[in-house]
Protein backbone atom coordinates (compact mmCIF):
# COMPACT_ATOMS: atom_id res chain seq x y z
CA MET A 1 23.89 81.52 -9.36
CA LEU A 2 26.38 83.59 -7.42
CA TYR A 3 28.60 83.64 -10.48
CA PHE A 4 25.81 85.10 -12.60
CA THR A 5 25.07 87.75 -9.98
CA LYS A 6 28.74 88.81 -9.92
CA LEU A 7 28.80 88.88 -13.71
CA PHE A 8 25.66 91.02 -13.79
CA LEU A 9 26.99 93.53 -11.26
CA THR A 10 30.31 93.73 -13.10
CA SER A 11 28.46 94.40 -16.34
CA ILE A 12 26.43 97.22 -14.79
CA PHE A 13 29.61 98.76 -13.37
CA ILE A 14 31.33 98.64 -16.72
CA ILE A 15 28.25 100.15 -18.39
CA ASN A 16 28.26 103.06 -15.92
CA VAL A 17 32.01 103.61 -16.35
CA GLU A 18 31.71 103.52 -20.08
CA THR A 19 28.79 105.92 -20.07
CA VAL A 20 30.90 108.40 -18.30
CA ILE A 21 33.81 107.91 -20.70
CA ALA A 22 31.52 107.95 -23.72
CA SER A 23 30.03 111.27 -22.79
CA GLU A 24 33.54 112.82 -22.90
CA ALA A 25 34.62 111.60 -26.37
CA LYS A 26 32.22 111.02 -29.25
CA THR A 27 34.57 110.79 -32.16
CA GLY A 28 35.89 107.90 -34.30
CA LEU A 29 34.53 104.59 -35.52
CA PRO A 30 31.44 103.33 -33.64
CA GLN A 31 32.91 99.83 -33.39
CA LEU A 32 35.87 101.21 -31.50
CA ASP A 33 33.77 103.36 -29.25
CA LEU A 34 34.31 102.05 -25.76
CA SER A 35 31.06 103.47 -24.50
CA THR A 36 29.05 100.82 -26.42
CA TYR A 37 31.08 97.88 -25.07
CA PRO A 38 29.27 97.55 -21.73
CA SER A 39 25.83 97.41 -23.34
CA LEU A 40 27.11 94.98 -25.99
CA MET A 41 28.64 92.82 -23.27
CA PHE A 42 25.45 93.01 -21.18
CA TRP A 43 23.19 92.01 -24.02
CA SER A 44 25.61 89.34 -25.17
CA VAL A 45 25.79 87.82 -21.69
CA PHE A 46 22.02 88.24 -21.25
CA SER A 47 21.39 86.53 -24.63
CA ILE A 48 23.79 83.72 -23.76
CA ILE A 49 22.10 83.24 -20.36
CA ILE A 50 18.61 83.29 -21.91
CA GLY A 51 19.80 80.93 -24.64
CA PHE A 52 21.36 78.63 -22.05
CA VAL A 53 18.19 78.63 -19.90
CA LEU A 54 16.01 78.01 -22.94
CA MET A 55 18.30 75.22 -24.14
CA LYS A 56 18.61 73.64 -20.69
CA TYR A 57 14.96 73.77 -19.64
CA LEU A 58 13.03 73.75 -22.91
CA VAL A 59 14.97 72.40 -25.90
CA THR A 60 17.22 69.78 -24.32
CA PRO A 61 14.41 68.03 -22.36
CA ASN A 62 12.31 67.90 -25.52
CA ILE A 63 15.23 66.47 -27.47
CA LYS A 64 15.89 64.05 -24.64
CA SER A 65 12.24 62.96 -24.50
CA ILE A 66 12.19 62.57 -28.28
CA ILE A 67 15.40 60.50 -28.19
CA ASN A 68 14.02 58.43 -25.29
CA SER A 69 10.68 57.87 -27.05
CA ARG A 70 12.52 56.99 -30.24
CA GLU A 71 14.77 54.54 -28.36
CA THR A 72 11.71 53.06 -26.66
CA SER A 73 9.96 52.80 -30.02
CA ILE A 74 13.03 51.10 -31.54
CA GLN A 75 13.24 48.69 -28.60
CA ASN A 76 9.50 47.95 -28.89
CA ASP A 77 9.89 47.40 -32.62
CA LEU A 78 12.82 45.06 -32.00
CA VAL A 79 10.80 43.12 -29.42
CA LYS A 80 7.85 42.95 -31.83
CA ALA A 81 10.15 41.83 -34.64
CA LYS A 82 11.67 39.16 -32.41
CA THR A 83 8.21 38.01 -31.33
CA SER A 84 7.02 37.99 -34.94
CA ASN A 85 10.12 36.03 -35.94
CA GLN A 86 9.46 33.48 -33.20
CA GLU A 87 5.80 33.23 -34.21
CA SER A 88 6.76 32.81 -37.86
CA GLU A 89 9.22 30.06 -36.86
CA LYS A 90 6.45 28.35 -34.87
CA ILE A 91 4.08 28.67 -37.83
CA LYS A 92 6.80 27.38 -40.16
CA GLN A 93 7.44 24.40 -37.88
CA SER A 94 3.71 23.69 -37.60
CA ILE A 95 3.36 23.89 -41.40
CA ILE A 96 6.30 21.51 -41.81
CA LYS A 97 4.72 19.15 -39.28
CA ILE A 98 1.34 19.37 -41.00
CA GLN A 99 3.01 18.69 -44.37
CA GLU A 100 4.79 15.65 -42.91
CA ASP A 101 1.51 14.43 -41.38
CA ILE A 102 -0.31 14.92 -44.68
CA LYS A 103 2.52 13.16 -46.53
CA SER A 104 2.46 10.20 -44.13
CA LYS A 105 -1.35 10.05 -44.26
CA SER A 106 -1.34 10.17 -48.06
CA GLN A 107 1.31 7.45 -48.18
CA LYS A 108 -0.77 5.39 -45.77
CA ILE A 109 -3.89 5.97 -47.87
CA ILE A 110 -1.98 5.00 -51.03
CA SER A 111 -0.53 1.86 -49.42
CA ASP A 112 -3.96 0.94 -48.00
CA ALA A 113 -5.55 1.47 -51.42
CA MET A 114 -2.83 -0.62 -53.08
CA LEU A 115 -3.27 -3.38 -50.50
CA GLU A 116 -7.05 -3.23 -50.83
CA SER A 117 -6.90 -3.32 -54.63
CA LYS A 118 -4.40 -6.20 -54.48
CA GLN A 119 -6.68 -8.11 -52.11
CA SER A 120 -9.66 -7.29 -54.30
CA ILE A 121 -7.81 -8.50 -57.39
CA GLU A 122 -6.73 -11.69 -55.60
CA LYS A 123 -10.31 -12.24 -54.41
CA LYS A 124 -11.67 -11.69 -57.92
CA GLU A 125 -9.02 -14.01 -59.33
CA LYS A 126 -10.01 -16.68 -56.79
CA GLU A 127 -13.69 -16.19 -57.62
CA ILE A 128 -12.98 -16.37 -61.35
CA SER A 129 -10.73 -19.39 -60.85
CA ALA A 130 -13.40 -21.10 -58.75
CA LYS A 131 -16.04 -20.33 -61.38
CA LEU A 132 -13.76 -21.59 -64.12
CA GLU A 133 -12.98 -24.75 -62.17
CA LEU A 134 -16.69 -25.24 -61.56
CA LYS A 135 -17.48 -24.73 -65.26
CA VAL A 136 -14.59 -26.99 -66.27
CA SER A 137 -15.74 -29.70 -63.87
CA GLU A 138 -19.32 -29.30 -65.14
CA ALA A 139 -18.07 -29.48 -68.73
CA GLU A 140 -15.96 -32.53 -67.89
CA LYS A 141 -19.01 -34.15 -66.28
CA LYS A 142 -21.06 -33.36 -69.36
CA ILE A 143 -18.31 -34.73 -71.60
CA ILE A 144 -18.02 -37.88 -69.50
CA ASP A 145 -21.80 -38.23 -69.40
CA THR A 146 -22.00 -37.67 -73.15
CA GLN A 147 -19.09 -40.05 -73.70
CA ASN A 148 -20.73 -42.68 -71.51
CA THR A 149 -24.01 -42.15 -73.31
CA VAL A 150 -22.31 -42.42 -76.71
CA ILE A 151 -20.35 -45.50 -75.62
CA ASN A 152 -23.52 -47.11 -74.29
CA ASP A 153 -25.29 -46.22 -77.52
CA VAL A 154 -22.41 -47.62 -79.56
CA ILE A 155 -22.36 -50.78 -77.43
CA ASN A 156 -26.12 -51.17 -77.82
CA VAL A 157 -25.89 -50.58 -81.55
CA ALA A 158 -22.92 -52.98 -81.73
CA GLU A 159 -24.93 -55.60 -79.85
CA GLU A 160 -27.83 -55.19 -82.22
CA ILE A 161 -25.59 -55.28 -85.28
CA THR A 162 -23.72 -58.30 -83.93
CA THR A 163 -26.94 -60.17 -83.21
CA ASP A 164 -28.24 -59.28 -86.67
CA VAL A 165 -24.99 -60.37 -88.36
CA VAL A 166 -24.86 -63.59 -86.36
CA LYS A 167 -28.50 -64.26 -87.21
CA LYS A 168 -28.18 -63.53 -90.90
CA PHE A 169 -24.80 -65.00 -91.67
CA THR A 170 -24.60 -67.92 -89.31
CA ASN A 171 -26.96 -70.46 -88.00
CA ILE A 172 -25.37 -70.42 -84.61
CA LYS A 173 -27.59 -70.30 -81.66
CA TYR A 174 -26.55 -67.47 -79.52
CA ASP A 175 -27.30 -66.09 -76.14
CA LYS A 176 -27.85 -62.34 -75.88
CA SER A 177 -26.04 -62.19 -72.54
CA ASN A 178 -22.94 -63.83 -74.09
CA ILE A 179 -22.96 -61.33 -76.95
CA LYS A 180 -23.29 -58.46 -74.48
CA LYS A 181 -20.37 -59.81 -72.44
CA ALA A 182 -18.20 -60.23 -75.52
CA ILE A 183 -18.97 -56.70 -76.80
CA LYS A 184 -18.39 -55.16 -73.37
CA LEU A 185 -15.07 -57.00 -73.10
CA ALA A 186 -14.05 -55.82 -76.58
CA SER A 187 -15.15 -52.24 -75.88
CA ASN A 188 -13.27 -52.22 -72.56
CA ASN A 189 -10.13 -53.42 -74.36
CA VAL A 190 -10.55 -50.68 -76.98
CA LEU A 191 -11.20 -48.03 -74.34
CA MET A 192 -8.23 -49.21 -72.25
CA GLU A 193 -5.91 -48.84 -75.23
CA LYS A 194 -6.76 -45.14 -75.49
C-alpha cells in the first residue's frame, strides 16, 4: 500500500509540474505535449489499479469458485460413475448367477422329467408285460383245457367206436374197462410221440 501511495504522490507532482510547463508552450503535436503526460499517467495507473482490484477481488474469486465447483462436479461425477460401474458389475454378476441357477434348475427339471418318463415307461412296460403274461397264461390254460376236453372227447368217441366195431365185427366178449385202458394207453403213446 505504501508503494501505491508513493506512486500517487509522484503522479500528482508530475501533473503539477507539467501543468506549469504546459501553460508556457502550447504548440506542436498533442501527443508530444508533455503537459498531458501526467494526467495520462495518472489515469493509466488509476485504471490499472482499479482493474487489478476488480480482477483480484471480483473476477478471480468468481473464476476460482467456478473452477472449484467444476472440479467438485467432475469429482462427484467420477465418483457417481465409479459407483454406477460397481453397481452395474454387481447387477451383471447377479444376472450371471441367476442365469446359472436357472440353467442348473432347468437341467435338473429336464433330468428329473427324463428319469420320471423312463420310470413311467418301464412301469408301463412291466404292467403291459404282466398283462400279456396273464393273458398268455390264461390262453394257454384255455388251450390246455380245450385240448384236454378234445382229447377226452376223442377218447370217449374212440371207446364208443371201438366197442361198436368189436361188437359188430367180432363175437368177442369184451370188458369196457379193458377197452378204456387199451385206448388210454394208445392215446398216451400217441400224445407222448408229439
